[in-house]
Protein backbone atom coordinates (compact mmCIF):
# COMPACT_ATOMS: atom_id res chain seq x y z
CA MET A 1 112.31 136.38 89.94
CA SER A 2 115.04 138.84 88.98
CA ILE A 3 114.50 142.19 87.00
CA ASN A 4 116.21 140.64 83.85
CA GLN A 5 113.88 137.67 84.07
CA THR A 6 110.78 139.85 84.45
CA VAL A 7 111.91 141.90 81.41
CA GLU A 8 112.20 138.59 79.42
CA LEU A 9 108.80 137.52 80.67
CA VAL A 10 107.26 140.69 79.44
CA ARG A 11 109.04 140.47 76.14
CA LEU A 12 107.91 136.90 75.59
CA TRP A 13 104.21 137.95 76.56
CA GLY A 14 104.36 140.82 74.03
CA GLU A 15 105.49 138.51 71.27
CA TYR A 16 102.73 135.95 72.03
CA GLU A 17 99.94 138.65 72.29
CA LYS A 18 100.97 139.95 68.62
CA LYS A 19 100.63 136.54 67.19
CA HIS A 20 97.53 135.64 69.16
CA PRO A 21 94.99 138.46 69.26
CA GLY A 22 92.80 138.06 72.42
CA ALA A 23 95.41 135.93 74.06
CA THR A 24 94.84 134.69 77.61
CA ILE A 25 97.53 134.14 80.30
CA GLU A 26 96.47 130.44 80.40
CA GLY A 27 97.31 130.08 76.65
CA PHE A 28 100.61 131.82 77.05
CA CYS A 29 101.72 129.61 79.74
CA ARG A 30 100.74 126.35 77.80
CA SER A 31 102.85 127.86 74.88
CA GLN A 32 105.92 128.36 77.03
CA LEU A 33 105.56 124.85 78.34
CA LYS A 34 105.46 123.48 74.83
CA THR A 35 108.55 125.42 74.13
CA ALA A 36 110.40 124.12 77.09
CA VAL A 37 109.49 120.69 76.23
CA LYS A 38 110.86 120.95 72.69
CA LYS A 39 114.15 122.40 74.15
CA GLU A 40 114.60 119.40 76.47
CA LYS A 41 114.18 116.73 73.79
CA SER A 42 117.46 115.11 72.77
CA ALA A 43 118.66 113.13 69.85
CA VAL A 44 117.95 109.34 70.09
CA ALA A 45 119.61 106.36 68.19
CA GLN A 46 117.61 105.95 64.94
CA ARG A 47 117.06 102.34 65.47
CA GLN A 48 115.41 102.91 68.86
CA LEU A 49 111.59 102.73 69.08
CA GLN A 50 110.41 106.02 70.51
CA PRO A 51 106.69 107.07 71.12
CA ASP A 52 105.17 109.84 69.19
CA LEU A 53 103.74 112.84 71.18
CA ASN A 54 100.42 111.01 71.95
CA GLY A 55 102.38 107.91 72.91
CA ALA A 56 104.90 109.99 75.11
CA LEU A 57 101.91 111.54 76.92
CA ILE A 58 99.97 108.29 77.61
CA LYS A 59 103.24 106.42 78.51
CA LEU A 60 103.88 109.19 81.36
CA ILE A 61 100.38 108.98 82.48
CA SER A 62 100.53 105.18 82.68
CA ARG A 63 103.97 105.19 84.43
CA ILE A 64 102.37 107.48 87.09
CA GLY A 65 99.40 105.26 87.39
CA LYS A 66 101.81 102.32 88.09
CA PHE A 67 103.74 104.16 90.63
CA HIS A 68 100.44 104.71 92.23
CA THR A 69 99.36 101.26 92.14
CA ILE A 70 102.72 99.81 93.62
CA TYR A 71 102.87 102.42 96.36
CA THR A 72 99.17 102.15 97.26
CA ASN A 73 99.26 98.43 97.53
CA LYS A 74 102.16 98.65 99.92
CA ALA A 75 100.46 101.30 101.98
CA LEU A 76 97.51 99.39 102.30
CA GLU A 77 99.23 96.62 104.29
CA GLY A 78 97.51 96.34 107.73
CA THR A 79 94.51 98.29 106.77
CA GLY A 80 92.28 95.17 106.02
CA LEU A 81 92.41 96.01 102.09
CA ASP A 82 94.70 94.23 99.85
CA GLN A 83 94.62 96.36 96.71
CA ILE A 84 93.60 99.64 95.19
CA GLU A 85 90.57 98.23 93.50
CA GLU A 86 89.17 96.93 96.85
CA PHE A 87 89.46 100.63 98.08
CA GLY A 88 87.79 101.93 95.02
CA MET A 89 84.87 99.41 95.52
CA MET A 90 84.43 100.33 99.22
CA VAL A 91 84.53 104.00 98.31
CA ILE A 92 81.55 103.61 95.86
CA ILE A 93 79.61 101.61 98.18
CA PHE A 94 80.32 104.30 101.04
CA ASN A 95 79.39 107.26 98.63
CA GLN A 96 76.49 105.88 96.68
CA GLN A 97 74.79 104.46 99.79
CA HIS A 98 73.49 100.88 99.08
CA PRO A 99 74.44 100.55 95.43
CA ILE A 100 73.78 97.22 93.47
CA LYS A 101 76.70 95.06 92.60
CA SER A 102 76.99 96.02 88.92
CA GLU A 103 77.24 99.86 89.73
CA VAL A 104 80.19 98.97 92.11
CA ILE A 105 82.03 96.67 89.64
CA PHE A 106 81.47 98.80 86.54
CA GLY A 107 82.22 102.00 88.33
CA ASN A 108 85.72 100.58 88.92
CA MET A 109 86.05 99.72 85.35
CA LEU A 110 86.21 95.82 86.22
CA ASP A 111 84.79 92.98 84.51
CA LEU A 112 81.79 91.13 86.03
CA SER A 113 83.65 88.05 86.89
CA SER A 114 86.73 89.45 88.71
CA GLY A 115 84.51 92.25 90.19
CA THR A 116 82.10 89.71 91.75
CA ASN A 117 84.91 87.60 92.93
CA MET A 118 86.41 90.57 94.68
CA LEU A 119 83.13 91.66 96.29
CA ALA A 120 82.86 88.09 97.44
CA ARG A 121 86.36 88.32 99.26
CA LEU A 122 85.28 91.62 100.84
CA LYS A 123 82.14 90.04 102.18
CA LYS A 124 84.01 86.95 103.52
CA ARG A 125 86.45 89.26 105.37
CA GLY A 126 83.26 90.91 107.03
CA LEU A 127 84.01 94.36 105.27
CA ILE A 128 80.81 94.45 103.33
CA SER A 129 77.36 92.96 103.65
CA GLU A 130 74.52 92.48 100.97
CA TYR A 131 70.72 92.41 101.18
CA ALA A 132 67.96 92.02 98.68
CA ASP A 133 66.33 95.21 97.31
CA ARG A 134 62.88 95.99 98.81
CA GLU A 135 61.32 96.32 95.45
CA ASP A 136 63.11 93.61 93.50
CA LYS A 137 64.35 90.65 95.66
CA ARG A 138 66.61 89.34 92.73
CA VAL A 139 68.62 92.40 93.01
CA LYS A 140 71.36 92.60 95.76
CA ARG A 141 72.35 95.85 97.36
CA LEU A 142 75.71 96.44 99.18
CA GLN A 143 76.60 98.28 102.33
CA LEU A 144 79.77 98.53 104.55
CA THR A 145 79.89 97.03 107.88
CA ALA A 146 81.24 98.84 110.96
CA LYS A 147 84.34 96.83 110.45
CA GLY A 148 84.41 97.87 106.65
CA GLU A 149 83.97 101.66 107.54
CA LYS A 150 86.88 101.47 109.98
CA ALA A 151 89.05 99.71 107.34
CA LEU A 152 88.09 102.30 104.75
CA LYS A 153 88.94 105.24 106.95
CA HIS A 154 92.37 103.65 107.80
CA ALA A 155 92.91 103.00 104.11
CA LYS A 156 92.06 106.60 103.19
CA GLN A 157 94.67 108.01 105.44
CA GLN A 158 97.25 105.75 103.82
CA ILE A 159 96.30 106.59 100.31
CA LEU A 160 96.38 110.33 101.08
CA LYS A 161 100.05 109.84 101.89
CA VAL A 162 100.72 108.17 98.76
CA VAL A 163 99.08 110.89 96.51
CA PHE A 164 100.89 113.53 98.56
CA MET A 165 104.20 111.79 97.98
CA LEU A 166 103.60 111.48 94.19
CA THR A 167 102.34 115.00 93.58
CA GLN A 168 104.57 117.06 96.09
CA ASP A 169 106.81 118.69 93.37
CA LEU A 170 103.74 120.30 91.79
CA THR A 171 102.18 123.34 92.89
CA ASP A 172 98.41 123.59 93.41
CA ASP A 173 98.09 125.58 90.20
CA ASP A 174 99.91 122.90 88.41
CA LYS A 175 97.56 120.33 89.68
CA HIS A 176 94.45 122.45 88.68
CA LEU A 177 95.92 122.79 85.14
CA CYS A 178 96.58 118.95 84.85
CA ILE A 179 93.11 118.14 85.89
CA GLN A 180 91.60 120.86 83.50
CA LEU A 181 93.56 119.45 80.62
CA LEU A 182 92.87 115.69 81.19
CA GLN A 183 89.23 115.85 82.45
CA PRO A 184 87.82 115.75 78.84
CA VAL A 185 89.66 112.52 78.12
CA ASP A 186 88.01 110.88 81.25
CA THR A 187 84.53 112.33 80.38
CA ARG A 188 84.66 110.95 76.89
CA PHE A 189 85.76 107.40 77.70
CA SER A 190 83.80 107.03 81.03
CA ALA A 191 80.61 107.47 78.97
CA VAL A 192 81.52 104.68 76.47
CA ILE A 193 83.82 102.15 77.81
CA GLN A 194 81.18 99.67 79.33
CA LYS A 195 79.24 99.80 75.87
CA GLN A 196 82.40 98.95 73.95
CA LYS A 197 83.67 96.08 75.97
CA GLY A 198 82.22 93.52 73.60
CA LYS A 199 83.42 95.17 70.45
CA SER A 200 86.50 94.74 68.33
CA PHE A 201 89.22 97.34 68.58
CA LYS A 202 88.58 98.43 64.96
CA GLU A 203 84.94 99.33 65.87
CA ILE A 204 86.05 101.04 69.10
CA TYR A 205 88.69 103.15 67.25
CA LEU A 206 86.35 104.19 64.65
CA GLU A 207 83.62 105.21 67.19
CA ASN A 208 86.03 107.11 69.11
CA THR A 209 87.93 108.98 66.40
CA GLN A 210 85.08 109.95 63.95
CA SER A 211 83.86 113.51 64.56
């Protein structure tokens, strides 16, 4: 950073601090990011459909999610796993140590039918096995086989390459800030999404927007 840039940064901080008593560095940085985004906006044709601020944010997150899915499914070729959802299921089984089927399925935000079918395919390929719970024989618990653990380890290395590729242009501070800003969204909806699956969107919207 040059001397002129440093002077400009100090000036901007001084102006921000005057307007916001008790200002923090984090708040100042967020303010500068907002200003930069506004300056980058360009005029668009009036007849074009353009998202509002909320829509633009969700659209960006969604597109990044699609990049992740597309590249991950390619990276998984040859690992024994066919798609990112299978990897997510295997991770839950590994981390939770003998979970029941519903925990694995709903933990990956899948519906019961498609989740059950996916688990059946993993079992057929010899990657997982199931056994009856000791206290309730009606309940089936899941575990990885030796083949499954090997496949999971291989798949993890491939997925680490994908996420590095997607985030390489961000600094660690950028990544921490993104996580900090988006974590509340994940926390809010993780707690309610399963309970709301049988409800209409009108009911869901009211429940999630009323303070």
